[in-house]
Protein backbone atom coordinates (compact mmCIF):
# COMPACT_ATOMS: atom_id res chain seq x y z
CA MET A 1 57.38 -192.67 -258.01
CA ALA A 2 58.83 -191.49 -254.81
CA ARG A 3 57.89 -188.05 -253.52
CA SER A 4 61.51 -186.83 -253.67
CA ASP A 5 61.65 -187.90 -257.36
CA ARG A 6 58.61 -185.90 -258.16
CA ASN A 7 60.00 -182.87 -256.40
CA GLU A 8 63.29 -183.15 -258.29
CA GLN A 9 61.40 -183.49 -261.59
CA GLU A 10 59.22 -180.50 -260.80
CA LEU A 11 62.14 -178.39 -259.83
CA ALA A 12 64.05 -179.41 -262.84
CA ALA A 13 61.15 -178.59 -265.12
CA ARG A 14 60.67 -175.12 -263.52
CA LEU A 15 64.45 -174.54 -263.85
CA ALA A 16 64.39 -175.28 -267.57
CA ALA A 17 61.26 -173.23 -268.06
CA THR A 18 62.74 -170.22 -266.32
CA ARG A 19 66.02 -170.42 -268.24
CA ARG A 20 64.21 -170.82 -271.57
CA LEU A 21 61.98 -167.76 -270.82
CA THR A 22 65.20 -165.55 -270.25
CA LEU A 23 66.58 -166.58 -273.61
CA ASN A 24 63.29 -165.99 -275.33
CA LEU A 25 63.19 -162.52 -273.82
CA ALA A 26 66.61 -161.82 -275.38
CA ALA A 27 65.71 -163.29 -278.81
CA PRO A 28 64.70 -160.00 -280.46
CA LEU A 29 67.93 -158.20 -279.43
CA SER A 30 71.10 -157.54 -281.38
CA ASP A 31 74.49 -157.81 -279.73
CA ALA A 32 74.53 -153.99 -279.68
CA ASP A 33 71.07 -153.84 -278.15
CA ALA A 34 72.12 -156.29 -275.40
CA THR A 35 75.40 -154.40 -274.61
CA ILE A 36 74.10 -150.83 -273.97
CA GLN A 37 73.70 -149.63 -270.44
CA PRO A 38 71.27 -146.62 -270.32
CA HIS A 39 72.02 -145.49 -266.75
CA PRO A 40 73.93 -146.80 -263.71
CA ASP A 41 70.78 -148.29 -262.10
CA ALA A 42 69.93 -150.42 -265.11
CA SER A 43 72.16 -153.23 -266.58
CA PRO A 44 72.74 -154.43 -270.14
CA ALA A 45 70.60 -157.27 -271.31
CA LYS A 46 73.72 -159.37 -271.96
CA TRP A 47 74.77 -158.82 -268.38
CA HIS A 48 71.49 -160.17 -266.97
CA LEU A 49 71.96 -163.28 -269.20
CA ALA A 50 75.40 -163.77 -267.93
CA HIS A 51 74.85 -162.88 -264.23
CA THR A 52 72.00 -165.41 -263.81
CA SER A 53 74.28 -168.11 -265.21
CA TRP A 54 77.19 -167.00 -262.94
CA PHE A 55 74.79 -167.39 -259.95
CA PHE A 56 74.09 -171.01 -260.84
CA GLU A 57 77.62 -171.85 -261.82
CA THR A 58 79.05 -170.36 -258.62
CA PHE A 59 76.69 -171.18 -255.94
CA VAL A 60 75.46 -174.60 -257.21
CA LEU A 61 77.90 -176.23 -259.77
CA ARG A 62 81.18 -174.87 -258.35
CA ASP A 63 80.33 -175.46 -254.62
CA HIS A 64 78.26 -178.65 -254.87
CA VAL A 65 79.36 -180.66 -258.01
CA PRO A 66 82.72 -182.35 -257.40
CA GLY A 67 85.20 -181.74 -260.05
CA TYR A 68 83.31 -178.99 -261.83
CA ARG A 69 85.50 -176.51 -263.63
CA LEU A 70 84.33 -172.98 -264.34
CA HIS A 71 83.82 -172.09 -268.00
CA ASP A 72 86.03 -169.12 -267.76
CA GLU A 73 87.46 -168.02 -264.42
CA ARG A 74 87.74 -164.36 -265.64
CA TRP A 75 84.08 -164.08 -266.06
CA ALA A 76 83.31 -164.16 -262.36
CA TYR A 77 84.87 -160.70 -262.09
CA LEU A 78 82.64 -159.42 -264.89
CA PHE A 79 79.29 -160.86 -263.79
CA ASN A 80 79.35 -160.81 -260.00
CA SER A 81 76.83 -158.21 -258.83
CA TYR A 82 77.35 -157.23 -255.26
CA TYR A 83 78.53 -160.35 -253.38
CA GLU A 84 81.52 -159.24 -251.35
CA GLY A 85 82.18 -162.77 -250.37
CA GLU A 86 82.92 -163.59 -254.00
CA GLY A 87 85.72 -160.95 -254.25
CA ASP A 88 86.33 -158.05 -256.56
CA ARG A 89 84.05 -157.31 -259.47
CA HIS A 90 83.52 -154.94 -262.41
CA ALA A 91 81.97 -151.56 -261.43
CA ARG A 92 78.30 -151.53 -261.85
CA PRO A 93 78.11 -148.21 -263.60
CA ARG A 94 80.49 -149.55 -266.33
CA ARG A 95 78.73 -152.76 -267.16
CA GLY A 96 77.94 -151.27 -270.61
CA MET A 97 81.57 -151.37 -271.46
CA ILE A 98 81.70 -155.12 -271.47
CA SER A 99 81.64 -155.60 -275.20
CA ARG A 100 83.20 -159.04 -274.86
CA PRO A 101 82.28 -161.81 -274.35
CA SER A 102 79.70 -161.45 -277.20
CA LEU A 103 76.09 -162.17 -276.88
CA ASP A 104 76.56 -165.50 -278.58
CA GLU A 105 79.36 -166.50 -276.30
CA VAL A 106 77.15 -165.83 -273.28
CA ARG A 107 74.36 -167.92 -274.82
CA ASP A 108 76.84 -170.72 -275.33
CA TRP A 109 77.87 -170.45 -271.71
CA ARG A 110 74.22 -170.58 -270.62
CA ALA A 111 73.75 -173.72 -272.67
CA ARG A 112 76.70 -175.41 -270.86
CA VAL A 113 75.46 -174.41 -267.45
CA ASP A 114 71.96 -175.61 -268.16
CA ALA A 115 73.30 -179.08 -269.25
CA GLU A 116 75.43 -179.42 -266.20
CA LEU A 117 72.55 -178.31 -263.92
CA ALA A 118 70.19 -180.90 -265.55
CA ALA A 119 72.74 -183.63 -265.12
CA ALA A 120 73.52 -182.67 -261.50
CA ILE A 121 69.98 -182.28 -260.00
CA PRO A 122 69.41 -186.00 -259.29
CA SER A 123 72.59 -186.09 -257.10
CA LEU A 124 72.41 -182.77 -255.39
CA SER A 125 72.12 -182.51 -251.67
CA GLU A 126 69.02 -180.80 -250.05
CA ASP A 127 71.10 -177.68 -249.43
CA ALA A 128 72.18 -177.53 -253.06
CA LEU A 129 68.56 -178.07 -254.18
CA THR A 130 67.56 -175.11 -252.02
CA LEU A 131 70.09 -172.99 -253.85
CA VAL A 132 68.67 -174.14 -257.22
CA GLU A 133 65.26 -172.85 -255.98
CA LEU A 134 66.80 -169.57 -254.93
CA GLY A 135 68.54 -169.35 -258.37
CA ILE A 136 65.13 -169.80 -260.15
CA GLN A 137 63.61 -167.05 -258.06
CA HIS A 138 66.64 -164.96 -258.60
CA GLU A 139 66.46 -165.34 -262.36
CA GLN A 140 62.73 -164.45 -262.30
CA GLN A 141 63.69 -161.17 -260.72
CA HIS A 142 66.16 -160.59 -263.37
CA GLN A 143 63.59 -161.28 -266.08
CA GLU A 144 61.59 -158.32 -264.85
CA LEU A 145 64.79 -156.16 -264.66
CA PHE A 146 65.61 -157.36 -268.17
CA LEU A 147 62.34 -155.87 -269.53
CA THR A 148 62.62 -152.65 -267.44
CA ASP A 149 66.30 -152.20 -268.44
CA ILE A 150 65.70 -152.81 -272.13
CA LEU A 151 62.87 -150.35 -272.08
CA ALA A 152 65.24 -147.71 -270.57
CA THR A 153 67.73 -148.67 -273.29
CA LEU A 154 65.39 -148.26 -276.26
CA ALA A 155 63.89 -145.11 -274.79
CA GLU A 156 67.37 -143.47 -275.20
CA ASN A 157 67.22 -143.94 -278.98
CA PRO A 158 65.65 -140.84 -280.69
CA LEU A 159 64.16 -143.24 -283.24
CA GLU A 160 62.09 -144.81 -280.43
CA PRO A 161 62.42 -148.37 -281.62
CA ALA A 162 60.09 -151.04 -280.34
CA TYR A 163 61.13 -154.26 -278.54
CA GLY A 164 58.03 -155.83 -280.05
CA ALA A 165 54.40 -155.28 -281.10
CA LEU A 166 51.25 -154.95 -278.95
CA ASP A 167 47.56 -154.69 -280.02
CA PRO A 168 46.31 -151.03 -280.38
CA VAL A 169 45.31 -149.33 -277.16
CA PRO A 170 41.67 -150.35 -276.41
CA CYS A 171 38.97 -148.09 -275.12
CA HIS A 172 38.02 -148.82 -271.55
CA ALA A 173 35.86 -147.01 -269.01
CA THR A 174 37.65 -146.23 -265.80
CA GLU A 175 36.41 -148.26 -262.87
CA PRO A 176 35.17 -145.97 -260.11
CA MET A 177 37.42 -145.72 -257.12
CA ALA A 178 36.03 -147.19 -254.05
CA TRP A 179 37.33 -147.57 -250.51
CA ILE A 180 37.70 -150.93 -248.80
CA ASP A 181 37.76 -151.10 -244.96
CA GLY A 182 40.84 -152.72 -243.66
CA ARG A 183 41.05 -154.64 -240.43
CA GLU A 184 42.20 -152.93 -237.31
CA GLY A 185 43.96 -154.32 -234.26
CA GLU A 186 46.65 -156.88 -234.02
CA VAL A 187 47.36 -158.93 -237.15
CA GLU A 188 50.17 -161.23 -238.36
CA ILE A 189 52.31 -160.51 -241.37
CA GLY A 190 55.33 -162.10 -242.97
CA ALA A 191 56.02 -165.29 -244.98
CA GLY A 192 54.16 -168.41 -244.29
CA ASN A 193 54.51 -171.73 -246.08
CA GLY A 194 56.38 -172.21 -249.32
CA PHE A 195 59.40 -170.37 -250.78
CA SER A 196 60.25 -166.92 -249.31
CA TYR A 197 63.22 -164.65 -249.21
CA ASP A 198 64.89 -164.21 -245.74
CA CYS A 199 63.68 -160.62 -245.57
CA GLU A 200 60.02 -161.72 -245.65
CA GLY A 201 60.36 -163.32 -242.07
CA PRO A 202 60.00 -164.04 -239.43
CA ARG A 203 56.17 -163.94 -239.27
CA HIS A 204 55.20 -161.44 -236.58
CA ARG A 205 52.51 -159.26 -235.23
CA ALA A 206 51.69 -155.73 -236.44
CA LEU A 207 49.07 -153.25 -235.06
CA LEU A 208 46.70 -151.73 -237.61
CA HIS A 209 44.73 -148.55 -237.00
CA PRO A 210 41.36 -147.86 -238.73
CA HIS A 211 42.04 -147.36 -242.43
CA ARG A 212 40.74 -147.94 -245.90
CA LEU A 213 42.48 -148.96 -249.10
CA ALA A 214 41.40 -148.05 -252.68
CA ASN A 215 39.97 -150.85 -254.62
CA ARG A 216 42.30 -150.22 -257.58
CA CYS A 217 45.41 -148.32 -258.52
CA VAL A 218 45.64 -144.69 -259.72
CA THR A 219 45.09 -144.41 -263.45
CA ASN A 220 46.83 -142.45 -266.26
CA GLY A 221 43.67 -140.23 -266.50
CA GLU A 222 43.85 -139.34 -262.81
CA TRP A 223 47.48 -138.58 -263.14
CA GLN A 224 46.71 -136.27 -266.02
CA GLU A 225 44.36 -134.32 -263.71
CA PHE A 226 47.17 -134.02 -261.07
CA LEU A 227 49.41 -132.73 -263.78
CA ALA A 228 46.88 -130.28 -265.10
CA ASP A 229 46.14 -129.04 -261.56
CA GLY A 230 49.86 -128.10 -261.16
CA GLY A 231 50.82 -131.03 -259.12
CA TYR A 232 54.49 -130.82 -260.27
CA ARG A 233 54.54 -127.13 -259.67
CA THR A 234 53.12 -127.06 -256.05
CA ALA A 235 55.84 -127.39 -253.58
CA THR A 236 53.40 -127.85 -250.64
CA LEU A 237 52.39 -131.21 -251.98
CA TRP A 238 55.98 -132.61 -251.86
CA LEU A 239 58.34 -133.83 -249.29
CA SER A 240 61.24 -131.55 -249.09
CA GLU A 241 63.68 -134.14 -250.36
CA GLY A 242 61.22 -135.02 -253.16
CA TRP A 243 60.78 -131.46 -254.16
CA ASP A 244 64.54 -130.85 -254.39
CA TRP A 245 64.83 -134.17 -256.50
CA ALA A 246 62.11 -132.99 -258.87
CA GLN A 247 63.66 -129.56 -259.30
CA ALA A 248 67.23 -130.81 -259.77
CA ASN A 249 66.07 -133.30 -262.36
CA ALA A 250 63.51 -131.20 -264.15
CA VAL A 251 60.80 -133.88 -263.38
CA THR A 252 57.39 -132.64 -264.70
CA ARG A 253 55.62 -135.85 -265.51
CA PRO A 254 56.02 -139.69 -265.19
CA LEU A 255 59.04 -141.21 -266.75
CA TYR A 256 58.45 -142.06 -270.53
CA TRP A 257 55.49 -139.69 -270.86
CA ARG A 258 56.05 -137.51 -273.92
CA GLY A 259 53.76 -134.60 -273.13
CA ASP A 260 51.32 -135.22 -276.03
CA ASP A 261 48.99 -137.88 -274.46
CA SER A 262 51.53 -140.55 -275.55
CA HIS A 263 54.20 -142.45 -273.68
CA PHE A 264 57.13 -144.71 -274.68
CA THR A 265 56.63 -148.37 -273.98
CA LEU A 266 58.22 -151.73 -275.15
CA ALA A 267 56.08 -151.47 -278.06
CA GLY A 268 57.29 -148.01 -279.03
CA ARG A 269 55.39 -144.83 -278.62
CA ARG A 270 51.69 -145.43 -277.79
CA ARG A 271 48.69 -143.36 -276.83
CA LEU A 272 48.12 -143.24 -273.11
CA ASP A 273 45.26 -145.48 -271.93
CA ARG A 274 43.50 -143.28 -269.44
CA ALA A 275 41.94 -146.28 -267.64
CA ALA A 276 45.22 -148.16 -267.23
CA PRO A 277 47.30 -147.86 -264.07
CA VAL A 278 49.87 -145.07 -264.15
CA CYS A 279 53.41 -146.36 -263.90
CA HIS A 280 57.09 -145.41 -263.80
CA LEU A 281 56.63 -143.22 -260.71
CA SER A 282 59.06 -142.53 -257.94
CA TYR A 283 58.08 -142.75 -254.26
CA TYR A 284 58.29 -138.84 -254.15
CA GLU A 285 55.67 -138.66 -256.94
CA ALA A 286 53.39 -141.23 -255.46
CA ASP A 287 53.49 -139.46 -252.13
CA ALA A 288 52.83 -136.04 -253.68
CA PHE A 289 49.82 -137.41 -255.53
CA ALA A 290 48.35 -139.03 -252.45
CA ARG A 291 48.55 -135.76 -250.63
CA TRP A 292 46.87 -133.94 -253.59
CA ALA A 293 44.07 -136.57 -253.57
CA GLY A 294 43.46 -136.11 -249.82
CA ALA A 295 44.82 -139.60 -249.20
CA ARG A 296 48.09 -141.23 -248.24
CA LEU A 297 50.12 -144.27 -249.18
CA PRO A 298 49.33 -147.57 -247.39
CA THR A 299 51.73 -149.05 -244.98
CA GLU A 300 53.24 -152.38 -245.81
CA ALA A 301 51.21 -154.13 -243.03
CA GLU A 302 47.91 -152.52 -244.31
CA TRP A 303 48.55 -153.74 -247.86
CA GLU A 304 49.70 -157.14 -246.86
CA ASP A 305 46.80 -157.85 -244.56
CA SER A 306 44.24 -156.51 -247.04
CA PHE A 307 45.45 -158.81 -249.80
CA ALA A 308 46.74 -161.81 -247.90
CA SER A 309 43.88 -163.93 -249.25
CA SER A 310 44.00 -162.76 -252.75
CA ASP A 311 45.31 -165.18 -255.42
CA PRO A 312 48.78 -163.96 -256.44
CA TRP A 313 48.57 -165.88 -259.72
CA LEU A 314 45.81 -163.62 -261.04
CA GLY A 315 46.22 -160.31 -262.65
CA HIS A 316 48.18 -159.03 -265.63
CA GLN A 317 51.67 -160.62 -265.19
CA LEU A 318 54.46 -162.03 -267.36
CA ASP A 319 53.58 -165.35 -268.94
CA GLN A 320 55.75 -165.47 -272.09
CA ALA A 321 58.42 -163.49 -273.90
CA GLY A 322 57.25 -160.16 -275.60
CA PRO A 323 56.45 -156.63 -274.72
CA VAL A 324 54.25 -155.80 -271.62
CA VAL A 325 52.26 -152.77 -270.57
CA PRO A 326 49.95 -152.23 -267.61
CA ARG A 327 46.26 -152.65 -268.48
CA PRO A 328 42.93 -151.78 -266.83
CA GLY A 329 40.97 -154.25 -264.71
CA GLY A 330 43.80 -155.94 -262.86
CA GLY A 331 43.78 -156.95 -259.21
CA PRO A 332 46.36 -156.37 -256.35
CA PHE A 333 48.91 -158.56 -258.19
CA GLY A 334 49.97 -157.35 -261.60
CA ASP A 335 50.27 -154.34 -263.81
CA VAL A 336 52.29 -152.13 -261.41
CA TRP A 337 54.22 -152.52 -258.18
CA GLN A 338 52.65 -150.36 -255.47
CA TRP A 339 54.61 -148.11 -253.27
CA THR A 340 54.03 -148.24 -249.57
CA ALA A 341 54.83 -145.71 -246.99
CA SER A 342 57.07 -148.24 -245.11
CA ALA A 343 60.77 -148.20 -245.16
CA TYR A 344 62.53 -151.44 -246.02
CA LEU A 345 63.79 -152.52 -242.58
CA PRO A 346 64.34 -155.89 -240.90
CA TYR A 347 61.41 -157.59 -239.16
CA PRO A 348 61.72 -158.43 -235.52
CA GLY A 349 64.03 -161.34 -235.12
CA PHE A 350 65.37 -161.16 -238.78
CA LYS A 351 68.50 -163.12 -239.57
CA PRO A 352 69.95 -163.12 -243.06
CA ALA A 353 70.61 -166.46 -244.73
CA SER A 354 73.92 -168.10 -244.01
CA GLY A 355 76.85 -167.88 -246.36
CA THR A 356 77.51 -165.39 -249.25
CA VAL A 357 73.82 -165.74 -250.39
CA GLY A 358 73.09 -163.89 -247.08
CA GLU A 359 74.13 -160.76 -248.84
CA TYR A 360 71.05 -161.13 -251.11
CA ASN A 361 68.67 -158.79 -249.19
CA GLY A 362 69.67 -157.72 -245.63
CA LYS A 363 72.51 -155.44 -246.51
CA PHE A 364 70.13 -153.22 -248.51
CA MET A 365 67.91 -152.27 -245.55
CA CYS A 366 68.80 -148.63 -245.58
CA GLY A 367 67.34 -145.83 -247.62
CA GLN A 368 64.72 -147.89 -249.52
CA PHE A 369 60.88 -148.11 -249.46
CA VAL A 370 58.79 -151.33 -249.82
CA LEU A 371 56.64 -152.00 -252.82
CA LYS A 372 53.97 -154.68 -252.75
CA GLY A 373 52.17 -156.74 -255.35
CA ALA A 374 53.59 -157.47 -258.74
CA SER A 375 53.77 -155.87 -262.20
CA CYS A 376 53.07 -156.71 -265.85
CA ALA A 377 56.69 -157.75 -266.10
CA THR A 378 56.76 -159.99 -263.02
CA PRO A 379 56.78 -163.67 -264.01
CA ARG A 380 53.49 -165.21 -263.00
CA GLY A 381 53.77 -167.16 -259.70
CA HIS A 382 56.87 -165.21 -258.50
CA SER A 383 55.13 -162.86 -256.11
CA ARG A 384 52.95 -163.28 -252.88
CA ALA A 385 51.47 -161.10 -250.31
CA SER A 386 54.53 -161.23 -248.06
CA TYR A 387 56.82 -160.34 -250.89
CA ARG A 388 58.98 -157.14 -250.23
CA ASN A 389 60.09 -155.42 -253.28
CA PHE A 390 62.24 -152.47 -252.51
CA PHE A 391 63.82 -149.41 -254.21
CA PRO A 392 65.24 -145.99 -253.17
CA PRO A 393 62.55 -143.19 -253.36
CA SER A 394 63.92 -141.69 -256.54
CA ALA A 395 63.68 -144.89 -258.59
CA ARG A 396 61.10 -144.93 -261.33
CA TRP A 397 62.40 -146.91 -264.38
CA GLN A 398 60.57 -149.98 -262.89
CA PHE A 399 56.74 -150.66 -263.34
CA THR A 400 55.95 -148.77 -260.17
CA GLY A 401 52.56 -147.23 -259.47
CA VAL A 402 50.34 -146.23 -256.50
CA ARG A 403 47.31 -147.52 -254.64
CA LEU A 404 45.84 -144.91 -252.22
CA ALA A 405 44.94 -145.45 -248.56
CA ARG A 406 43.01 -143.28 -246.02
CA ASP A 407 42.58 -143.17 -242.29
CA ALA A 408 39.09 -144.29 -241.39
């Protein structure tokens, strides 16, 4: 068997597995569950199912399969996200108003797209196969968004319904926090071999000053101490913008904490595990905690250099459909994304990908901060040390936590 045949078969198998996992994630949901949009930053589950199919149909099938006809030309308006090159689209804050097509119609559309992709892969050009790989990675991102957005959806229901079941909260001793010396001097960061997004490159030099990183993320128990010590009431711990945000939005604890040592999760309301990493934090909260702890947030370069040799396949990450929650004992990859002190900006020499897919990352390089690692909702194998997740500083509906750093 030729190498190209093996590569095509491996790509086709990963594509099928990725598409199947998305369907499995949606299996517990009713049409109503899948249509609700809890807030403008989150999207309905049905929209995620449709948008990921739109991506493959638009950039692979329409553009690279001669004679392909769109399933429904009107749906491009509904399920385009932010690609200006693809024309007008439905307003993001109103995605929850798309009651039709139904969930079943979207599933049928996915089945057609999947069949067409499977038939087309053996004859696709190298450029088109590159877009298939990008589509797989794109859908994996939406699998994580799917879980965080359905958590936000169910959290709006006073009945606190569960997406699925998890084992009871175990009893774990909290691992002592220790400090690991980072390298200093000139280092290289950025993407190496294998798939990467355009924003991860080019690989370049960065200068590190003496520093230490914590051996683990901050826990729920430690956050309870911060809360009990008046962390949310002490303005001097907060950035001015963060304090204004907390006051304006009456933020007094992490998102989904219920104030009685419980929190809302994909498995419904659960007792807080004091040893598990705290999550659903904004950058503002992470920064205030770091100041309270006599520490700071790591820079992107410090984090990446420290964990460049760590195996990104290890840790508590998403392997199959079902509810997820951060757990104790994970490594740098898994459980929670970790805020850094670094703004999401282009690397020296950065050039966005050509064509409409070049809108994927570069145009968001303003007003965002970088997060590193992976979370319990990140599909295993999706992340790497050079990966640059990014959100605005007020965002906290994602599985976002904090790892501390100090000057040495």
